[in-house]
Amino acid sequence: MDPRINSYPDQQSDTRLQQLHKMNRNPSEESEYQRLLAEAGGASGGTDAAGTITPFNFDWTAAEAEALEKLRPYYEEKLKEAEGDVGRAKQLIEEDYSRGKRYREEDLATDTAADTQAAKEETQGSMEALNRRGVLFGQMDLGQETSAAPISDFAQKFELDPLQAKQQARRQAIQRAISRQEEVAGVEKTRGMQEQDIAFPRYKKALEEEKQEKAVLQMAPLKYQRELTKYQATAGNSSYLQR
């Protein structure tokens, strides 16, 4: 045991820093003493090389900046994920719209073809019925072929014209129904895109506020408490060394 320490009756409970403080230190021990002293005091206060207690000082601005820097990678990753989610959501909206447009065009083509066939059958059936009644054709000129006989005014006015008007209205109804579906789909697409554009900035702002709150209200105060506890312990040791 170093004879420079044995003379102190309470050396068994002394820390290495206290032991070195009581010694006539050689260069190697002085270097160790200064290192331990610096570790005990830190940048927030403690004791200087002469053993004098320095005031406790805490830089809140630096602590908050350090906390924000530590949090930055985590929140950048969350924001990146959110951006990816927005992009994916918009892509899905566009895909749904394009798929629906294709289906509507197919429906229009199918319904139009079916209506055209129905109209043809209706017209043929009506003309056959008029012919059976003997009112389909009008008066023919002498020598005129039967195939070129004109449609009678009665058949045209009271049967065929109303039938054609009904068929035209039906075609328009089919086209109007598909057009309305297209209009609604376009509105829903636009609204969906706008909602994504509105939601993302709000989420970004909320993330920034959350990051600031953690840095300012949690991490910086925690560092303050640790530095204060460290300072108080160092100051206590220094007071003990000076006794």
Protein backbone atom coordinates (compact mmCIF):
# COMPACT_ATOMS: atom_id res chain seq x y z
CA MET A 1 0.00 0.00 0.00
CA ASP A 2 1.28 3.46 -0.85
CA PRO A 3 2.63 5.01 2.40
CA ARG A 4 1.29 8.38 1.26
CA ILE A 5 -2.24 7.02 1.67
CA ASN A 6 -1.88 4.82 4.79
CA SER A 7 -1.60 7.86 7.01
CA TYR A 8 -5.27 8.66 6.40
CA PRO A 9 -7.53 6.59 8.68
CA ASP A 10 -10.54 6.90 6.35
CA GLN A 11 -8.71 5.86 3.18
CA GLN A 12 -10.65 2.60 2.90
CA SER A 13 -13.76 4.59 1.92
CA ASP A 14 -11.95 7.11 -0.28
CA THR A 15 -12.49 7.16 -4.02
CA ARG A 16 -9.48 7.05 -6.30
CA LEU A 17 -9.95 10.78 -6.94
CA GLN A 18 -9.87 11.49 -3.18
CA GLN A 19 -6.79 9.34 -2.73
CA LEU A 20 -4.94 11.15 -5.48
CA HIS A 21 -6.02 14.50 -4.09
CA LYS A 22 -4.35 13.70 -0.75
CA MET A 23 -1.08 12.54 -2.35
CA ASN A 24 2.05 14.32 -3.37
CA ARG A 25 1.43 13.15 -6.94
CA ASN A 26 4.11 12.11 -9.39
CA PRO A 27 3.63 13.04 -13.07
CA SER A 28 1.75 9.83 -13.87
CA GLU A 29 -0.56 10.24 -10.89
CA GLU A 30 -1.07 13.90 -11.70
CA SER A 31 -2.22 12.95 -15.19
CA GLU A 32 -4.66 10.40 -13.75
CA TYR A 33 -5.85 12.94 -11.18
CA GLN A 34 -6.55 15.57 -13.83
CA ARG A 35 -8.41 13.03 -15.99
CA LEU A 36 -10.61 11.87 -13.10
CA LEU A 37 -11.20 15.46 -12.06
CA ALA A 38 -12.32 16.41 -15.55
CA GLU A 39 -14.61 13.38 -15.76
CA ALA A 40 -16.16 14.22 -12.40
CA GLY A 41 -16.66 17.89 -13.16
CA GLY A 42 -17.63 17.80 -16.81
CA ALA A 43 -18.56 20.87 -18.81
CA SER A 44 -21.43 21.81 -16.48
CA GLY A 45 -19.37 22.64 -13.41
CA GLY A 46 -17.57 20.85 -10.61
CA THR A 47 -14.02 21.46 -9.53
CA ASP A 48 -11.11 22.93 -11.41
CA ALA A 49 -7.50 21.73 -11.28
CA ALA A 50 -6.96 23.55 -8.02
CA GLY A 51 -9.94 21.87 -6.41
CA THR A 52 -12.09 25.03 -6.46
CA ILE A 53 -15.83 24.48 -6.91
CA THR A 54 -17.08 26.12 -10.12
CA PRO A 55 -20.72 27.30 -10.53
CA PHE A 56 -23.17 24.94 -12.18
CA ASN A 57 -23.99 26.04 -15.70
CA PHE A 58 -26.33 24.35 -18.17
CA ASP A 59 -26.73 25.38 -21.81
CA TRP A 60 -30.39 24.73 -22.61
CA THR A 61 -30.05 25.84 -26.23
CA ALA A 62 -27.21 23.40 -26.87
CA ALA A 63 -29.04 20.60 -25.05
CA GLU A 64 -32.18 21.10 -27.11
CA ALA A 65 -30.19 21.27 -30.34
CA GLU A 66 -28.38 18.06 -29.42
CA ALA A 67 -31.69 16.34 -28.62
CA LEU A 68 -33.20 17.46 -31.93
CA GLU A 69 -30.19 16.13 -33.81
CA LYS A 70 -30.52 12.76 -32.07
CA LEU A 71 -34.21 12.61 -32.96
CA ARG A 72 -33.73 13.78 -36.56
CA PRO A 73 -32.98 10.37 -38.20
CA TYR A 74 -36.00 8.73 -36.59
CA TYR A 75 -38.42 11.45 -37.66
CA GLU A 76 -36.91 11.73 -41.13
CA GLU A 77 -37.58 8.01 -41.56
CA LYS A 78 -41.17 8.41 -40.37
CA LEU A 79 -41.69 11.30 -42.79
CA LYS A 80 -40.17 9.27 -45.62
CA GLU A 81 -42.54 6.41 -44.86
CA ALA A 82 -45.47 8.84 -44.85
CA GLU A 83 -44.40 10.27 -48.21
CA GLY A 84 -44.29 6.74 -49.57
CA ASP A 85 -47.75 6.07 -48.20
CA VAL A 86 -49.10 9.23 -49.86
CA GLY A 87 -47.53 8.27 -53.17
CA ARG A 88 -48.93 4.78 -52.93
CA ALA A 89 -52.39 6.08 -51.99
CA LYS A 90 -52.41 8.40 -55.01
CA GLN A 91 -51.27 5.57 -57.23
CA LEU A 92 -54.13 3.38 -55.99
CA ILE A 93 -56.63 6.20 -56.58
CA GLU A 94 -55.36 6.60 -60.14
CA GLU A 95 -55.46 2.85 -60.74
CA ASP A 96 -59.01 2.59 -59.40
CA TYR A 97 -60.13 5.45 -61.64
CA SER A 98 -58.48 3.97 -64.74
CA ARG A 99 -59.96 0.55 -64.05
CA GLY A 100 -63.41 2.03 -63.50
CA LYS A 101 -63.13 4.05 -66.72
CA ARG A 102 -62.30 0.91 -68.65
CA TYR A 103 -65.27 -0.90 -67.14
CA ARG A 104 -67.59 2.02 -67.96
CA GLU A 105 -66.43 2.09 -71.57
CA GLU A 106 -67.02 -1.66 -71.82
CA ASP A 107 -70.48 -1.29 -70.27
CA LEU A 108 -71.36 1.50 -72.71
CA ALA A 109 -70.26 -0.57 -75.70
CA THR A 110 -72.20 -3.61 -74.47
CA ASP A 111 -75.36 -1.66 -73.62
CA THR A 112 -75.24 0.25 -76.92
CA ALA A 113 -74.85 -2.93 -78.95
CA ALA A 114 -77.72 -4.58 -77.07
CA ASP A 115 -79.93 -1.53 -77.57
CA THR A 116 -79.11 -1.35 -81.29
CA GLN A 117 -80.12 -4.97 -81.72
CA ALA A 118 -83.29 -4.43 -79.70
CA ALA A 119 -84.19 -1.37 -81.79
CA LYS A 120 -83.69 -3.31 -84.99
CA GLU A 121 -85.95 -6.10 -83.78
CA GLU A 122 -88.56 -3.63 -82.55
CA THR A 123 -88.65 -1.81 -85.90
CA GLN A 124 -88.87 -5.05 -87.85
CA GLY A 125 -91.66 -6.33 -85.61
CA SER A 126 -93.60 -3.09 -85.90
CA MET A 127 -93.35 -3.04 -89.69
CA GLU A 128 -94.49 -6.65 -89.92
CA ALA A 129 -97.47 -5.86 -87.74
CA LEU A 130 -98.33 -2.81 -89.85
CA ASN A 131 -98.01 -4.87 -93.02
CA ARG A 132 -100.36 -7.52 -91.69
CA ARG A 133 -102.88 -4.79 -91.01
CA GLY A 134 -102.42 -3.49 -94.56
CA VAL A 135 -101.36 -0.02 -93.46
CA LEU A 136 -97.60 -0.19 -93.86
CA PHE A 137 -97.34 1.02 -97.45
CA GLY A 138 -98.90 4.03 -99.06
CA GLN A 139 -100.36 4.36 -102.54
CA MET A 140 -98.04 3.24 -105.36
CA ASP A 141 -97.80 4.71 -108.83
CA LEU A 142 -98.82 2.56 -111.78
CA GLY A 143 -96.05 0.13 -112.67
CA GLN A 144 -94.12 0.76 -109.47
CA GLU A 145 -92.47 -2.28 -107.90
CA THR A 146 -93.82 -3.38 -104.54
CA SER A 147 -90.31 -3.31 -103.04
CA ALA A 148 -90.12 0.40 -103.70
CA ALA A 149 -93.51 1.17 -102.20
CA PRO A 150 -93.48 4.19 -99.87
CA ILE A 151 -94.31 3.89 -96.19
CA SER A 152 -97.77 5.14 -95.57
CA ASP A 153 -98.26 8.43 -93.76
CA PHE A 154 -100.28 6.61 -91.12
CA ALA A 155 -97.50 4.06 -90.40
CA GLN A 156 -94.80 6.70 -90.34
CA LYS A 157 -96.65 9.20 -88.15
CA PHE A 158 -98.42 6.97 -85.70
CA GLU A 159 -96.12 3.94 -85.43
CA LEU A 160 -92.62 4.32 -86.77
CA ASP A 161 -91.83 7.90 -85.72
CA PRO A 162 -92.95 7.35 -82.09
CA LEU A 163 -90.97 4.10 -82.03
CA GLN A 164 -87.82 5.83 -83.26
CA ALA A 165 -88.25 8.61 -80.69
CA LYS A 166 -88.55 6.04 -77.92
CA GLN A 167 -85.43 4.24 -79.15
CA GLN A 168 -83.47 7.52 -79.36
CA ALA A 169 -84.45 8.40 -75.79
CA ARG A 170 -83.32 4.97 -74.63
CA ARG A 171 -79.90 5.39 -76.30
CA GLN A 172 -79.50 8.79 -74.71
CA ALA A 173 -80.43 7.38 -71.31
CA ILE A 174 -77.73 4.70 -71.63
CA GLN A 175 -75.10 7.27 -72.60
CA ARG A 176 -76.24 9.68 -69.87
CA ALA A 177 -76.01 7.01 -67.19
CA ILE A 178 -72.43 6.13 -68.17
CA SER A 179 -71.49 9.83 -68.39
CA ARG A 180 -72.82 10.42 -64.88
CA GLN A 181 -70.81 7.48 -63.57
CA GLU A 182 -67.71 8.98 -65.23
CA GLU A 183 -68.44 12.38 -63.71
CA VAL A 184 -68.87 10.93 -60.21
CA ALA A 185 -65.67 8.88 -60.58
CA GLY A 186 -63.77 11.99 -61.66
CA VAL A 187 -65.01 13.96 -58.64
CA GLU A 188 -64.09 11.11 -56.27
CA LYS A 189 -60.63 10.88 -57.82
CA THR A 190 -60.01 14.62 -57.45
CA ARG A 191 -61.30 14.61 -53.88
CA GLY A 192 -59.11 11.64 -52.98
CA MET A 193 -56.01 13.34 -54.36
CA GLN A 194 -56.83 16.57 -52.52
CA GLU A 195 -57.33 14.72 -49.24
CA GLN A 196 -53.87 13.19 -49.58
CA ASP A 197 -52.37 16.61 -50.36
CA ILE A 198 -54.07 18.09 -47.30
CA ALA A 199 -53.34 15.21 -44.91
CA PHE A 200 -49.60 14.97 -45.58
CA PRO A 201 -48.66 18.56 -44.57
CA ARG A 202 -50.75 18.14 -41.43
CA TYR A 203 -48.96 14.91 -40.58
CA LYS A 204 -45.59 16.53 -41.29
CA LYS A 205 -46.46 19.42 -38.96
CA ALA A 206 -47.61 17.01 -36.25
CA LEU A 207 -44.34 15.08 -36.51
CA GLU A 208 -42.31 18.27 -36.17
CA GLU A 209 -44.31 19.33 -33.11
CA GLU A 210 -43.85 15.89 -31.59
CA LYS A 211 -40.10 16.02 -32.20
CA GLN A 212 -39.84 19.50 -30.64
CA GLU A 213 -41.86 18.38 -27.63
CA LYS A 214 -39.66 15.37 -27.00
CA ALA A 215 -36.48 17.40 -27.34
CA VAL A 216 -37.56 20.40 -25.26
CA LEU A 217 -39.82 18.81 -22.65
CA GLN A 218 -38.22 15.39 -22.21
CA MET A 219 -34.66 14.93 -23.43
CA ALA A 220 -33.19 18.33 -22.54
CA PRO A 221 -34.66 18.31 -18.98
CA LEU A 222 -33.39 14.76 -18.52
CA LYS A 223 -29.88 15.83 -19.50
CA TYR A 224 -30.20 18.82 -17.16
CA GLN A 225 -31.08 16.55 -14.25
CA ARG A 226 -28.19 14.20 -15.01
CA GLU A 227 -25.71 17.07 -15.26
CA LEU A 228 -27.03 18.61 -12.04
CA THR A 229 -26.77 15.30 -10.19
CA LYS A 230 -23.24 14.85 -11.52
CA TYR A 231 -22.32 18.38 -10.49
CA GLN A 232 -23.76 17.97 -6.99
CA ALA A 233 -21.86 14.72 -6.50
CA THR A 234 -18.64 16.36 -7.68
CA ALA A 235 -19.19 19.42 -5.53
CA GLY A 236 -19.81 17.17 -2.54
CA ASN A 237 -16.60 15.25 -3.18
CA SER A 238 -14.69 18.50 -3.55
CA SER A 239 -16.01 19.78 -0.22
CA TYR A 240 -14.96 16.53 1.38
CA LEU A 241 -11.48 16.74 -0.17
CA GLN A 242 -10.97 20.25 1.13
CA ARG A 243 -11.79 19.32 4.73
